[in-house]
Protein backbone atom coordinates (compact mmCIF):
# COMPACT_ATOMS: atom_id res chain seq x y z
CA UNK A 1 -17.79 -49.07 -11.73
CA UNK A 2 -17.56 -46.51 -8.98
CA UNK A 3 -17.93 -42.88 -9.90
CA UNK A 4 -14.82 -40.75 -9.75
CA UNK A 5 -15.05 -38.23 -6.89
CA UNK A 6 -15.67 -34.72 -8.15
CA UNK A 7 -12.75 -32.34 -7.75
CA UNK A 8 -12.85 -30.08 -4.73
CA UNK A 9 -9.92 -27.99 -5.93
CA UNK A 10 -10.48 -24.23 -5.75
CA UNK A 11 -8.99 -24.04 -9.26
CA UNK A 12 -12.16 -25.67 -10.60
CA UNK A 13 -14.50 -23.16 -8.97
CA UNK A 14 -16.12 -20.23 -10.69
CA UNK A 15 -13.52 -17.45 -10.66
CA UNK A 16 -15.81 -15.24 -8.54
CA UNK A 17 -15.66 -17.89 -5.81
CA UNK A 18 -11.88 -18.32 -5.81
CA UNK A 19 -10.46 -16.57 -2.71
CA UNK A 20 -7.26 -15.20 -4.27
CA UNK A 21 -9.06 -13.80 -7.29
CA UNK A 22 -11.90 -12.52 -5.10
CA UNK A 23 -9.43 -10.61 -2.92
CA UNK A 24 -7.69 -9.20 -6.00
CA UNK A 25 -10.90 -8.12 -7.72
CA UNK A 26 -13.18 -7.19 -4.81
CA UNK A 27 -10.83 -6.31 -1.96
CA UNK A 28 -9.98 -7.86 1.42
CA UNK A 29 -13.28 -6.96 3.06
CA UNK A 30 -15.25 -9.10 0.58
CA UNK A 31 -13.76 -12.33 1.92
CA UNK A 32 -14.99 -14.39 4.85
CA UNK A 33 -12.59 -15.52 7.58
CA UNK A 34 -12.61 -19.01 6.09
CA UNK A 35 -11.71 -17.69 2.65
CA UNK A 36 -8.82 -15.67 4.08
CA UNK A 37 -7.44 -18.68 5.94
CA UNK A 38 -7.93 -20.77 2.78
CA UNK A 39 -5.58 -18.42 0.92
CA UNK A 40 -2.95 -19.20 3.56
CA UNK A 41 -3.18 -22.97 3.22
CA UNK A 42 -3.57 -22.97 -0.56
CA UNK A 43 -5.33 -26.33 -0.91
CA UNK A 44 -7.57 -28.71 0.94
CA UNK A 45 -7.73 -32.49 0.70
CA UNK A 46 -8.99 -34.87 -2.00
CA UNK A 47 -12.54 -34.70 -0.66
CA UNK A 48 -12.67 -31.19 0.76
CA UNK A 49 -11.84 -27.75 -0.61
CA UNK A 50 -9.53 -25.39 1.24
CA UNK A 51 -12.47 -23.14 2.13
CA UNK A 52 -14.58 -26.04 3.44
CA UNK A 53 -11.63 -27.27 5.50
CA UNK A 54 -11.11 -23.79 6.96
CA UNK A 55 -14.81 -23.48 7.76
CA UNK A 56 -14.55 -26.73 9.70
CA UNK A 57 -11.46 -25.53 11.57
CA UNK A 58 -13.14 -22.22 12.43
CA UNK A 59 -16.33 -23.98 13.55
CA UNK A 60 -14.25 -25.90 16.09
CA UNK A 61 -13.40 -22.60 17.82
CA UNK A 62 -16.88 -21.06 17.41
CA UNK A 63 -15.63 -18.97 14.47
CA UNK A 64 -13.46 -16.92 16.82
CA UNK A 65 -10.11 -15.89 15.33
CA UNK A 66 -8.62 -15.16 18.74
CA UNK A 67 -9.36 -18.72 19.80
CA UNK A 68 -7.99 -20.03 16.50
CA UNK A 69 -4.75 -18.20 17.27
CA UNK A 70 -4.45 -20.13 20.52
CA UNK A 71 -4.40 -23.53 18.82
CA UNK A 72 -1.02 -25.25 18.81
CA UNK A 73 0.66 -26.63 15.71
CA UNK A 74 -0.25 -30.12 16.90
CA UNK A 75 -3.92 -29.17 17.39
CA UNK A 76 -4.11 -27.68 13.88
CA UNK A 77 -2.49 -30.78 12.41
CA UNK A 78 -5.27 -32.89 13.92
CA UNK A 79 -7.51 -31.69 11.06
CA UNK A 80 -7.25 -33.88 7.98
CA UNK A 81 -5.64 -31.84 5.22
CA UNK A 82 -3.52 -29.73 7.56
CA UNK A 83 0.11 -30.79 7.60
CA UNK A 84 2.93 -29.17 9.52
CA UNK A 85 3.68 -26.53 6.88
CA UNK A 86 0.04 -25.39 6.68
CA UNK A 87 -0.31 -25.38 10.45
CA UNK A 88 2.80 -23.22 10.82
CA UNK A 89 1.52 -20.83 8.13
CA UNK A 90 -1.81 -20.37 9.94
CA UNK A 91 -0.08 -19.89 13.30
CA UNK A 92 2.36 -17.34 11.85
CA UNK A 93 -0.39 -15.32 10.15
CA UNK A 94 -2.51 -15.17 13.30
CA UNK A 95 0.51 -14.14 15.37
CA UNK A 96 1.14 -11.28 12.95
CA UNK A 97 -2.48 -10.23 13.40
CA UNK A 98 -2.09 -10.32 17.17
CA UNK A 99 1.06 -8.20 17.01
CA UNK A 100 -0.64 -5.75 14.68
CA UNK A 101 -3.49 -5.26 17.16
CA UNK A 102 -0.99 -4.76 19.95
CA UNK A 103 1.07 -2.21 18.06
CA UNK A 104 0.26 1.46 18.11
CA UNK A 105 -1.27 2.86 14.96
CA UNK A 106 1.20 4.97 13.02
CA UNK A 107 0.36 8.60 13.49
CA UNK A 108 0.17 10.23 10.09
CA UNK A 109 2.17 13.44 9.87
CA UNK A 110 0.04 16.49 9.12
CA UNK A 111 1.33 19.04 6.65
CA UNK A 112 0.62 22.53 7.94
CA UNK A 113 3.09 24.66 5.96
CA UNK A 114 5.92 24.57 3.46
CA UNK A 115 8.29 24.34 6.43
CA UNK A 116 6.69 21.05 7.52
CA UNK A 117 7.20 19.67 4.00
CA UNK A 118 10.86 20.70 4.18
CA UNK A 119 11.24 18.91 7.54
CA UNK A 120 9.69 15.79 6.02
CA UNK A 121 11.69 15.69 2.79
CA UNK A 122 15.05 17.35 3.53
CA UNK A 123 16.48 14.24 5.25
CA UNK A 124 15.52 12.20 2.18
CA UNK A 125 16.65 14.38 -0.73
CA UNK A 126 18.31 17.49 0.70
CA UNK A 127 21.90 16.25 0.55
CA UNK A 128 21.85 14.00 -2.52
CA UNK A 129 24.50 14.53 -5.23
CA UNK A 130 21.89 13.89 -7.94
CA UNK A 131 18.36 15.15 -8.54
CA UNK A 132 15.29 13.20 -7.41
CA UNK A 133 11.61 14.05 -7.79
CA UNK A 134 9.24 12.93 -5.03
CA UNK A 135 5.52 13.36 -4.46
CA UNK A 136 3.85 13.55 -1.06
CA UNK A 137 0.27 12.22 -1.15
CA UNK A 138 -2.20 13.70 1.34
CA UNK A 139 -5.72 12.91 2.53
CA UNK A 140 -8.42 15.57 2.95
CA UNK A 141 -7.03 16.44 6.41
CA UNK A 142 -3.63 17.18 4.84
CA UNK A 143 -2.14 14.15 6.56
CA UNK A 144 0.53 12.19 4.71
CA UNK A 145 -0.73 8.94 3.19
CA UNK A 146 2.61 8.13 1.62
CA UNK A 147 5.56 9.66 -0.19
CA UNK A 148 7.01 8.19 -3.37
CA UNK A 149 10.07 8.76 -5.49
CA UNK A 150 8.75 9.43 -8.99
CA UNK A 151 12.08 9.72 -10.75
CA UNK A 152 15.82 9.87 -10.28
CA UNK A 153 18.08 11.81 -12.58
CA UNK A 154 21.48 13.35 -12.92
CA UNK A 155 23.09 16.46 -11.52
CA UNK A 156 21.00 18.88 -13.60
CA UNK A 157 17.58 17.30 -14.01
CA UNK A 158 15.16 14.39 -13.96
CA UNK A 159 12.22 13.25 -16.10
CA UNK A 160 8.76 13.01 -14.53
CA UNK A 161 5.84 10.86 -15.70
CA UNK A 162 2.66 12.84 -14.94
CA UNK A 163 0.42 9.82 -15.57
CA UNK A 164 2.28 7.71 -13.03
CA UNK A 165 2.08 10.47 -10.43
CA UNK A 166 -1.69 10.74 -10.74
CA UNK A 167 -2.24 6.99 -11.06
CA UNK A 168 -0.68 6.57 -7.61
CA UNK A 169 -2.78 9.44 -6.23
CA UNK A 170 -5.95 7.66 -7.34
CA UNK A 171 -4.77 4.30 -5.99
CA UNK A 172 -4.07 5.65 -2.48
CA UNK A 173 -7.13 7.93 -2.40
CA UNK A 174 -5.18 11.18 -2.17
CA UNK A 175 -7.07 14.46 -2.43
CA UNK A 176 -3.94 16.59 -2.48
CA UNK A 177 -0.34 16.21 -3.59
CA UNK A 178 2.86 18.13 -2.93
CA UNK A 179 5.66 18.04 -5.48
CA UNK A 180 9.23 18.09 -4.22
CA UNK A 181 12.65 17.83 -5.81
CA UNK A 182 16.17 18.76 -4.87
CA UNK A 183 18.76 20.95 -6.53
CA UNK A 184 22.21 19.44 -5.89
CA UNK A 185 23.78 22.73 -6.99
CA UNK A 186 22.22 24.47 -4.00
CA UNK A 187 20.39 26.98 -6.23
CA UNK A 188 16.84 27.73 -5.07
CA UNK A 189 15.56 29.55 -8.13
CA UNK A 190 13.13 27.37 -10.14
CA UNK A 191 14.09 26.69 -13.74
CA UNK A 192 11.71 27.11 -16.65
CA UNK A 193 11.42 23.32 -16.75
CA UNK A 194 10.39 23.33 -13.06
CA UNK A 195 7.69 25.91 -13.79
CA UNK A 196 6.38 24.05 -16.84
CA UNK A 197 6.24 20.74 -14.97
CA UNK A 198 4.38 22.32 -12.06
CA UNK A 199 1.83 23.82 -14.44
CA UNK A 200 1.43 20.53 -16.32
CA UNK A 201 0.86 18.52 -13.14
CA UNK A 202 -1.47 21.16 -11.74
CA UNK A 203 -3.67 21.13 -14.86
CA UNK A 204 -3.77 17.31 -15.02
CA UNK A 205 -4.54 16.96 -11.30
CA UNK A 206 -7.42 19.45 -11.45
CA UNK A 207 -9.19 17.29 -14.01
CA UNK A 208 -9.23 14.51 -11.37
CA UNK A 209 -10.27 16.78 -8.48
CA UNK A 210 -6.81 16.45 -6.92
CA UNK A 211 -5.11 19.58 -5.66
CA UNK A 212 -1.44 20.36 -6.18
CA UNK A 213 -0.86 22.16 -2.88
CA UNK A 214 2.78 23.09 -3.37
CA UNK A 215 6.04 22.38 -5.13
CA UNK A 216 9.20 22.62 -3.08
CA UNK A 217 12.74 22.87 -4.36
CA UNK A 218 14.91 21.55 -1.56
CA UNK A 219 18.61 22.01 -0.85
CA UNK A 220 20.73 21.05 2.13
CA UNK A 221 19.70 23.99 4.28
CA UNK A 222 16.87 25.84 2.55
CA UNK A 223 13.89 25.52 0.23
CA UNK A 224 11.79 27.37 -2.31
CA UNK A 225 7.99 27.05 -2.16
CA UNK A 226 5.84 27.72 -5.21
CA UNK A 227 2.81 28.20 -2.95
CA UNK A 228 4.56 30.69 -0.68
CA UNK A 229 5.62 32.66 -3.76
CA UNK A 230 2.07 32.57 -5.22
CA UNK A 231 3.27 30.64 -8.27
CA UNK A 232 0.57 27.94 -8.22
């Protein structure tokens, strides 16, 4: 009796060697080009794993991704295990990479004052009929990494999860955060709840070496800055 061929499915590999799990657990940079392309195609053939197949495809273009991007759908389909759907997926992914290289890098906005925070956030929350709480996450050059809505409430208030705010800060590598929320009533004076929340977030952030740089209350045409008023 002939021996059954051993399975070449990635599912049967050690988890550390599975491309999807490797990317999830170790990050994008830990994967080889072949492993990244293998994630795109999902599976190989009966006698060849997805990674082995992708290594063979890459070897045909001297392991040059730019050259791989020049292959036509028909040329990709010439490799056993690559059907039309897989060939189109590879071509689409490489075209996205080409467009990304050709696009200009997004210039991160630098926060230089409370006024620059107001300019950033007023169009987002300044005219809302309900209250929203947002956090602006900054790198060590005070450039905006991202801004997130933390909560959305009613006309008079909103609840804020301090743990969620700081979890995101750690995930994006922020060294500073700016708290912002709007007052639909147009009143600029901070409430006791605003003061308590600012203090709570400030204390929690300090324990993680993250600075709360300011807290702005924003209305349609004006703002109140805790930092400007020496309340931080």
